[in-house]
């Protein structure tokens, strides 16, 4: 198959050229200095043995095996080992293969041939070193271009995701903002009926209050997101007593959980952490509220403990859980599972987006584990 066509031969030649280029580029970096010089001496010994094996001493061609030996020393070891092998090759050839054999007495012709050999090797080794530098710069440039291209691809993908998220955000926000105000307009129209009694007006006013609260909640969440995105929120870390902080969470949520007949448990520890308590509370408020909303039986565990050298706050629930295909996108704005009709009672899909952005702002790590119909575990790790 190799010789079946030009493409096979061309591929073999290209592979050989690439291998030689790689060898010439990184050869010296593969061995330390003593090993490179020992290799240079070993190549001269090997060249001498080959020369003695292929022809008798008086056969001429004294440098025939030393030339490739010195060249290989340049490729594998660099200029220093190449110079050593060249000098050793010239001396060894003069002693063993230029008459009188075994003598260091050289005539004019022997000296000239030795100089020619050394000059030839100097030219070849210099060319190899120049090629090595060229390919090293080429490899560095190619690597830099590859990194730049990869960064460009990541930036383009991030921009596309951001554009999709923005479009989804605007579509959902405009829809959700319109709902409460449309409801207010309808209720206002109903109140214009002069024949309504006080008893009939009261439920309409209650519904208007719910619509206004929903609109206010959505606007507040949008403002939270916009301030986080704009970078105008500045963390103000202070020492926070963990016990008092956890007690505040319990006072806020125990009655809410128990009103749904859920078991509410707290696990705390002594000590303090340096953190912005307002931003940390915002993160945990969203996580606990979601846990209560999507848990219909069982209960919740809110804990603070040491884990892996970090202080971590954890929110466990026995709720609906999150399917694997949704776990990578639940931190995006307005992303909700099973709420395509945008039912206000099922939340707005902004809580986890606020969690992710707030955690990033103050340097926290938020991780999640969840099993469908078995519950979810959020862990907030402090640095």
Protein backbone atom coordinates (compact mmCIF):
# COMPACT_ATOMS: atom_id res chain seq x y z
CA UNK A 1 0.00 0.00 0.00
CA UNK A 2 2.94 2.31 0.70
CA UNK A 3 4.14 2.17 -2.88
CA UNK A 4 0.69 2.00 -4.45
CA UNK A 5 0.61 5.72 -5.18
CA UNK A 6 2.34 9.01 -4.79
CA UNK A 7 0.29 9.94 -1.74
CA UNK A 8 1.80 7.09 0.31
CA UNK A 9 5.36 8.06 -0.57
CA UNK A 10 4.58 11.73 0.03
CA UNK A 11 3.12 10.92 3.46
CA UNK A 12 6.21 8.89 4.39
CA UNK A 13 8.54 11.71 3.30
CA UNK A 14 6.49 14.27 5.22
CA UNK A 15 6.58 12.07 8.32
CA UNK A 16 10.36 11.69 8.05
CA UNK A 17 10.81 15.44 7.57
CA UNK A 18 8.57 16.20 10.56
CA UNK A 19 10.47 13.71 12.72
CA UNK A 20 13.81 15.17 11.71
CA UNK A 21 12.55 18.70 12.36
CA UNK A 22 11.26 17.71 15.79
CA UNK A 23 14.54 15.97 16.58
CA UNK A 24 16.59 18.97 15.47
CA UNK A 25 14.33 21.34 17.39
CA UNK A 26 14.16 19.62 20.77
CA UNK A 27 17.14 17.23 20.64
CA UNK A 28 19.46 19.02 23.10
CA UNK A 29 16.66 19.56 25.61
CA UNK A 30 16.14 15.81 25.99
CA UNK A 31 19.57 15.17 27.60
CA UNK A 32 21.57 16.90 30.31
CA UNK A 33 25.06 18.24 29.59
CA UNK A 34 27.13 15.21 30.77
CA UNK A 35 24.92 12.85 28.79
CA UNK A 36 25.23 14.97 25.64
CA UNK A 37 29.05 15.04 25.80
CA UNK A 38 29.22 11.34 26.64
CA UNK A 39 27.01 10.70 23.62
CA UNK A 40 29.41 12.75 21.44
CA UNK A 41 32.37 10.61 22.56
CA UNK A 42 30.34 7.43 22.12
CA UNK A 43 29.46 8.40 18.54
CA UNK A 44 33.16 8.84 17.70
CA UNK A 45 33.94 5.43 19.21
CA UNK A 46 31.10 3.91 17.17
CA UNK A 47 32.29 5.71 14.01
CA UNK A 48 35.81 4.33 14.54
CA UNK A 49 34.51 0.77 14.92
CA UNK A 50 32.38 1.10 11.78
CA UNK A 51 35.32 2.53 9.82
CA UNK A 52 37.55 -0.36 10.86
CA UNK A 53 34.80 -2.81 9.96
CA UNK A 54 34.10 -1.55 6.44
CA UNK A 55 37.67 -1.09 5.18
CA UNK A 56 41.33 -1.57 6.20
CA UNK A 57 43.31 1.37 7.53
CA UNK A 58 45.15 1.99 4.31
CA UNK A 59 41.98 2.11 2.21
CA UNK A 60 41.73 5.90 2.42
CA UNK A 61 38.53 7.88 3.17
CA UNK A 62 39.69 8.63 6.74
CA UNK A 63 36.65 10.79 7.64
CA UNK A 64 33.86 8.82 5.95
CA UNK A 65 32.21 7.69 9.22
CA UNK A 66 33.18 10.69 11.35
CA UNK A 67 31.21 13.17 9.30
CA UNK A 68 27.77 11.60 10.07
CA UNK A 69 28.87 10.99 13.69
CA UNK A 70 29.65 14.67 14.27
CA UNK A 71 26.47 15.72 12.44
CA UNK A 72 24.37 13.43 14.63
CA UNK A 73 26.09 14.85 17.71
CA UNK A 74 25.06 18.32 16.55
CA UNK A 75 21.44 17.23 16.07
CA UNK A 76 21.13 15.43 19.40
CA UNK A 77 23.49 17.44 21.58
CA UNK A 78 23.98 20.91 20.15
CA UNK A 79 27.06 22.87 19.16
CA UNK A 80 29.25 21.97 22.15
CA UNK A 81 29.05 18.16 21.74
CA UNK A 82 29.31 18.63 17.95
CA UNK A 83 32.62 20.53 18.38
CA UNK A 84 33.95 17.81 20.71
CA UNK A 85 33.02 15.02 18.29
CA UNK A 86 34.51 16.94 15.34
CA UNK A 87 37.86 17.44 17.07
CA UNK A 88 37.94 13.86 18.35
CA UNK A 89 37.03 12.58 14.89
CA UNK A 90 39.76 14.60 13.20
CA UNK A 91 42.42 13.48 15.72
CA UNK A 92 41.32 9.82 15.63
CA UNK A 93 41.23 9.74 11.81
CA UNK A 94 44.69 11.35 11.64
CA UNK A 95 46.15 8.74 13.99
CA UNK A 96 44.41 5.60 12.70
CA UNK A 97 43.63 6.19 9.03
CA UNK A 98 46.32 8.60 7.71
CA UNK A 99 49.81 7.12 7.25
CA UNK A 100 52.02 6.60 9.10
CA UNK A 101 49.35 4.69 11.08
CA UNK A 102 49.50 5.07 14.84
CA UNK A 103 51.54 8.24 14.60
CA UNK A 104 50.58 11.86 15.19
CA UNK A 105 53.02 13.15 12.56
CA UNK A 106 50.98 14.77 9.83
CA UNK A 107 52.08 16.03 6.47
CA UNK A 108 50.71 19.10 4.72
CA UNK A 109 47.98 17.12 2.92
CA UNK A 110 46.76 15.49 6.13
CA UNK A 111 46.54 18.85 7.89
CA UNK A 112 44.58 20.39 5.03
CA UNK A 113 42.15 17.44 4.90
CA UNK A 114 41.61 17.69 8.68
CA UNK A 115 40.93 21.44 8.38
CA UNK A 116 38.49 20.84 5.52
CA UNK A 117 36.70 18.23 7.63
CA UNK A 118 36.47 20.63 10.56
CA UNK A 119 35.26 23.51 8.36
CA UNK A 120 32.65 21.28 6.71
CA UNK A 121 31.39 20.18 10.10
CA UNK A 122 31.33 23.77 11.37
CA UNK A 123 29.17 24.79 8.41
CA UNK A 124 26.82 21.82 8.81
CA UNK A 125 26.51 22.22 12.60
CA UNK A 126 25.88 25.96 12.24
CA UNK A 127 23.13 25.19 9.73
CA UNK A 128 21.61 22.66 12.10
CA UNK A 129 21.67 25.17 14.97
CA UNK A 130 20.10 27.84 12.75
CA UNK A 131 17.40 25.38 11.71
CA UNK A 132 16.83 24.45 15.33
CA UNK A 133 16.31 28.10 16.30
CA UNK A 134 14.03 28.64 13.33
CA UNK A 135 11.84 25.65 14.13
CA UNK A 136 11.80 26.57 17.81
CA UNK A 137 10.52 30.04 16.96
CA UNK A 138 8.12 28.51 14.48
CA UNK A 139 6.82 26.08 17.13
CA UNK A 140 6.44 28.87 19.68
CA UNK A 141 4.62 31.03 17.14
CA UNK A 142 2.37 28.14 16.16
CA UNK A 143 1.61 27.42 19.81
CA UNK A 144 0.83 31.08 20.47
CA UNK A 145 -1.44 31.20 17.42
CA UNK A 146 -3.16 28.02 18.55
CA UNK A 147 -3.79 29.51 21.99
CA UNK A 148 -5.00 32.74 20.43
CA UNK A 149 -7.33 30.85 18.11
CA UNK A 150 -8.66 28.75 21.00
CA UNK A 151 -9.20 31.90 23.05
CA UNK A 152 -11.00 33.48 20.10
CA UNK A 153 -13.24 30.43 19.75
CA UNK A 154 -14.04 30.50 23.49
CA UNK A 155 -14.74 34.23 23.33
CA UNK A 156 -17.02 33.78 20.31
CA UNK A 157 -18.89 30.94 22.02
CA UNK A 158 -19.21 33.02 25.19
CA UNK A 159 -20.52 35.96 23.15
CA UNK A 160 -23.04 33.71 21.43
CA UNK A 161 -24.19 32.30 24.77
CA UNK A 162 -24.41 35.82 26.19
CA UNK A 163 -26.43 36.96 23.19
CA UNK A 164 -28.81 34.01 23.54
CA UNK A 165 -29.10 34.65 27.27
CA UNK A 166 -29.78 38.34 26.63
CA UNK A 167 -32.51 37.51 24.12
CA UNK A 168 -34.09 35.03 26.50
CA UNK A 169 -33.71 37.50 29.35
CA UNK A 170 -35.43 40.33 27.44
CA UNK A 171 -38.24 38.08 26.21
CA UNK A 172 -38.91 36.68 29.67
CA UNK A 173 -38.51 40.00 31.45
CA UNK A 174 -40.89 41.80 29.11
CA UNK A 175 -43.45 39.02 29.50
CA UNK A 176 -43.16 38.82 33.27
CA UNK A 177 -43.20 42.59 33.73
CA UNK A 178 -46.29 42.91 31.56
CA UNK A 179 -48.29 40.36 33.54
CA UNK A 180 -48.76 42.19 36.87
CA UNK A 181 -49.46 45.53 35.23
CA UNK A 182 -51.98 44.04 32.85
CA UNK A 183 -53.66 42.52 35.87
CA UNK A 184 -53.65 45.90 37.65
CA UNK A 185 -55.28 47.52 34.62
CA UNK A 186 -58.03 44.89 34.59
CA UNK A 187 -58.66 45.25 38.30
CA UNK A 188 -58.69 49.03 37.96
CA UNK A 189 -61.29 48.71 35.23
CA UNK A 190 -63.37 46.50 37.48
CA UNK A 191 -63.19 49.05 40.29
CA UNK A 192 -64.64 51.72 38.02
CA UNK A 193 -68.00 49.98 38.25
CA UNK A 194 -70.04 52.27 40.56
CA UNK A 195 -72.40 49.48 41.50
CA UNK A 196 -69.76 47.46 43.35
CA UNK A 197 -70.33 46.96 47.04
CA UNK A 198 -67.66 47.13 49.74
CA UNK A 199 -67.66 43.34 49.98
CA UNK A 200 -67.05 43.04 46.23
CA UNK A 201 -64.28 45.66 46.22
CA UNK A 202 -62.23 43.98 48.98
CA UNK A 203 -61.15 40.86 46.98
CA UNK A 204 -60.30 43.02 43.96
CA UNK A 205 -58.06 45.20 46.12
CA UNK A 206 -56.42 42.08 47.53
CA UNK A 207 -55.69 40.83 44.02
CA UNK A 208 -54.29 44.24 43.08
CA UNK A 209 -52.01 44.05 46.09
CA UNK A 210 -50.76 40.62 44.96
CA UNK A 211 -50.12 41.93 41.44
CA UNK A 212 -48.26 44.97 42.76
CA UNK A 213 -46.17 42.76 45.05
CA UNK A 214 -45.30 40.48 42.13
CA UNK A 215 -44.26 43.45 40.00
CA UNK A 216 -42.21 44.90 42.84
CA UNK A 217 -40.50 41.56 43.46
CA UNK A 218 -39.62 41.18 39.80
CA UNK A 219 -38.30 44.74 39.55
CA UNK A 220 -36.21 44.22 42.68
CA UNK A 221 -34.72 41.02 41.26
CA UNK A 222 -33.97 42.73 37.96
CA UNK A 223 -32.31 45.60 39.82
CA UNK A 224 -30.24 43.13 41.83
CA UNK A 225 -29.05 41.46 38.62
CA UNK A 226 -28.34 44.74 36.86
CA UNK A 227 -26.31 46.12 39.76
CA UNK A 228 -24.30 42.91 39.93
CA UNK A 229 -23.67 42.97 36.17
CA UNK A 230 -22.76 46.67 36.26
CA UNK A 231 -20.17 46.12 38.99
CA UNK A 232 -21.58 48.81 41.26
CA UNK A 233 -21.98 46.44 44.22
CA UNK A 234 -18.91 46.62 46.44
CA UNK A 235 -18.46 43.81 48.99
CA UNK A 236 -17.92 44.98 52.56
CA UNK A 237 -16.40 42.04 54.43
CA UNK A 238 -16.60 42.11 58.21
CA UNK A 239 -16.22 39.44 60.91
CA UNK A 240 -19.52 37.54 61.09
CA UNK A 241 -20.47 35.34 64.04
CA UNK A 242 -21.62 32.06 62.50
CA UNK A 243 -23.99 31.16 65.33
CA UNK A 244 -25.86 34.48 65.19
CA UNK A 245 -25.98 34.38 61.39
CA UNK A 246 -27.49 30.88 61.38
CA UNK A 247 -29.99 31.90 64.08
CA UNK A 248 -31.18 34.72 61.82
CA UNK A 249 -31.78 32.23 59.00
CA UNK A 250 -33.72 29.94 61.32
CA UNK A 251 -35.96 32.75 62.56
CA UNK A 252 -36.75 33.72 58.96
CA UNK A 253 -37.56 30.31 57.54
CA UNK A 254 -38.54 27.81 60.22
CA UNK A 255 -42.15 29.00 60.41
CA UNK A 256 -42.43 29.11 56.60
CA UNK A 257 -41.18 25.53 56.27
CA UNK A 258 -43.32 24.25 59.12
CA UNK A 259 -46.41 25.88 57.59
CA UNK A 260 -45.89 23.44 54.68
CA UNK A 261 -45.49 20.61 57.25
CA UNK A 262 -41.80 20.26 56.39
CA UNK A 263 -39.15 19.20 58.88
CA UNK A 264 -36.73 22.13 59.33
CA UNK A 265 -33.33 21.35 60.85
CA UNK A 266 -30.29 23.53 61.53
CA UNK A 267 -26.68 22.49 62.14
CA UNK A 268 -24.21 25.21 63.06
CA UNK A 269 -20.76 25.61 64.59
CA UNK A 270 -18.87 28.14 66.66
CA UNK A 271 -16.53 30.70 65.16
CA UNK A 272 -16.49 33.66 62.82
CA UNK A 273 -15.94 34.22 59.12
CA UNK A 274 -14.91 37.40 57.34
CA UNK A 275 -17.50 38.01 54.65
CA UNK A 276 -20.06 40.54 53.49
CA UNK A 277 -23.07 39.34 55.54
CA UNK A 278 -25.63 41.07 53.32
CA UNK A 279 -24.40 39.36 50.14
CA UNK A 280 -23.96 36.01 51.86
CA UNK A 281 -27.50 36.30 53.23
CA UNK A 282 -28.79 37.10 49.73
CA UNK A 283 -27.26 33.87 48.42
CA UNK A 284 -28.66 31.71 51.19
CA UNK A 285 -32.07 33.41 51.10
CA UNK A 286 -32.46 32.41 47.46
CA UNK A 287 -31.28 28.84 48.05
CA UNK A 288 -33.52 28.29 51.10
CA UNK A 289 -36.55 29.91 49.44
CA UNK A 290 -36.16 27.63 46.44
CA UNK A 291 -35.73 24.61 48.69
CA UNK A 292 -38.98 25.39 50.52
CA UNK A 293 -40.87 26.16 47.30
CA UNK A 294 -39.93 22.89 45.57
CA UNK A 295 -40.12 20.58 48.60
CA UNK A 296 -43.57 19.15 49.29
CA UNK A 297 -42.71 16.38 51.74
CA UNK A 298 -39.77 15.55 53.95
CA UNK A 299 -37.78 18.54 55.00
CA UNK A 300 -34.72 20.78 54.83
CA UNK A 301 -31.34 20.88 56.51
CA UNK A 302 -29.42 24.15 56.74
CA UNK A 303 -25.86 23.59 57.94
CA UNK A 304 -22.54 25.33 58.43
CA UNK A 305 -19.40 23.25 58.94
CA UNK A 306 -15.77 22.82 58.05
CA UNK A 307 -15.21 20.80 54.88
CA UNK A 308 -11.97 20.32 52.94
CA UNK A 309 -10.26 23.19 54.76
CA UNK A 310 -13.12 25.60 54.01
CA UNK A 311 -16.11 26.93 55.87
CA UNK A 312 -19.18 25.82 53.92
CA UNK A 313 -22.87 26.65 54.16
CA UNK A 314 -25.14 23.88 52.92
CA UNK A 315 -28.80 23.67 51.97
CA UNK A 316 -30.25 20.17 51.70
CA UNK A 317 -33.82 19.37 50.70
CA UNK A 318 -35.92 16.33 49.85
CA UNK A 319 -37.77 18.10 47.07
CA UNK A 320 -38.36 17.56 43.38
CA UNK A 321 -34.69 17.46 42.43
CA UNK A 322 -33.16 18.55 39.13
CA UNK A 323 -32.71 16.28 36.13
CA UNK A 324 -29.14 16.01 34.77
CA UNK A 325 -30.00 17.78 31.50
CA UNK A 326 -31.03 20.91 33.41
CA UNK A 327 -28.20 21.09 35.94
CA UNK A 328 -25.82 23.08 33.72
CA UNK A 329 -28.29 25.87 32.92
CA UNK A 330 -30.31 26.45 36.09
CA UNK A 331 -28.07 29.41 37.03
CA UNK A 332 -29.13 31.34 33.92
CA UNK A 333 -31.64 34.18 34.15
CA UNK A 334 -35.34 33.23 33.84
CA UNK A 335 -34.52 29.56 33.37
CA UNK A 336 -37.25 27.50 35.01
CA UNK A 337 -38.07 23.82 34.82
CA UNK A 338 -41.71 22.97 34.16
CA UNK A 339 -42.98 26.56 34.08
CA UNK A 340 -43.37 27.36 30.41
CA UNK A 341 -46.58 29.24 31.18
CA UNK A 342 -44.60 31.60 33.48
CA UNK A 343 -46.82 30.99 36.50
CA UNK A 344 -45.92 33.66 39.07
CA UNK A 345 -46.54 31.25 41.96
CA UNK A 346 -43.65 29.10 40.73
CA UNK A 347 -41.12 31.89 40.97
CA UNK A 348 -39.41 33.95 38.31
CA UNK A 349 -36.25 32.00 37.54
CA UNK A 350 -33.93 34.74 38.81
CA UNK A 351 -32.95 33.43 42.24
CA UNK A 352 -30.14 31.11 41.14
CA UNK A 353 -28.84 33.70 38.68
CA UNK A 354 -28.52 36.12 41.59
CA UNK A 355 -26.80 33.36 43.60
CA UNK A 356 -24.23 32.71 40.86
CA UNK A 357 -23.41 36.38 40.23
CA UNK A 358 -23.25 37.27 43.92
CA UNK A 359 -21.02 34.29 44.69
CA UNK A 360 -18.67 35.28 41.87
CA UNK A 361 -18.55 38.84 43.18
CA UNK A 362 -17.43 37.86 46.69
CA UNK A 363 -15.26 34.91 45.68
CA UNK A 364 -17.44 32.03 46.83
CA UNK A 365 -17.82 28.66 45.15
CA UNK A 366 -21.33 27.26 44.70
CA UNK A 367 -21.70 23.57 43.84
CA UNK A 368 -24.79 21.45 43.47
CA UNK A 369 -25.73 17.79 43.59
CA UNK A 370 -29.25 16.70 42.76
CA UNK A 371 -31.28 13.60 42.01
CA UNK A 372 -34.66 13.77 40.36
CA UNK A 373 -37.50 13.20 42.86
CA UNK A 374 -35.00 12.74 45.70
CA UNK A 375 -33.78 16.24 46.48
CA UNK A 376 -30.98 18.74 45.99
CA UNK A 377 -27.86 19.73 47.90
CA UNK A 378 -26.26 23.16 47.46
CA UNK A 379 -22.88 23.89 48.99
CA UNK A 380 -21.49 27.44 49.32
CA UNK A 381 -17.75 27.32 50.07
CA UNK A 382 -16.02 30.34 51.58
CA UNK A 383 -12.39 31.02 50.65
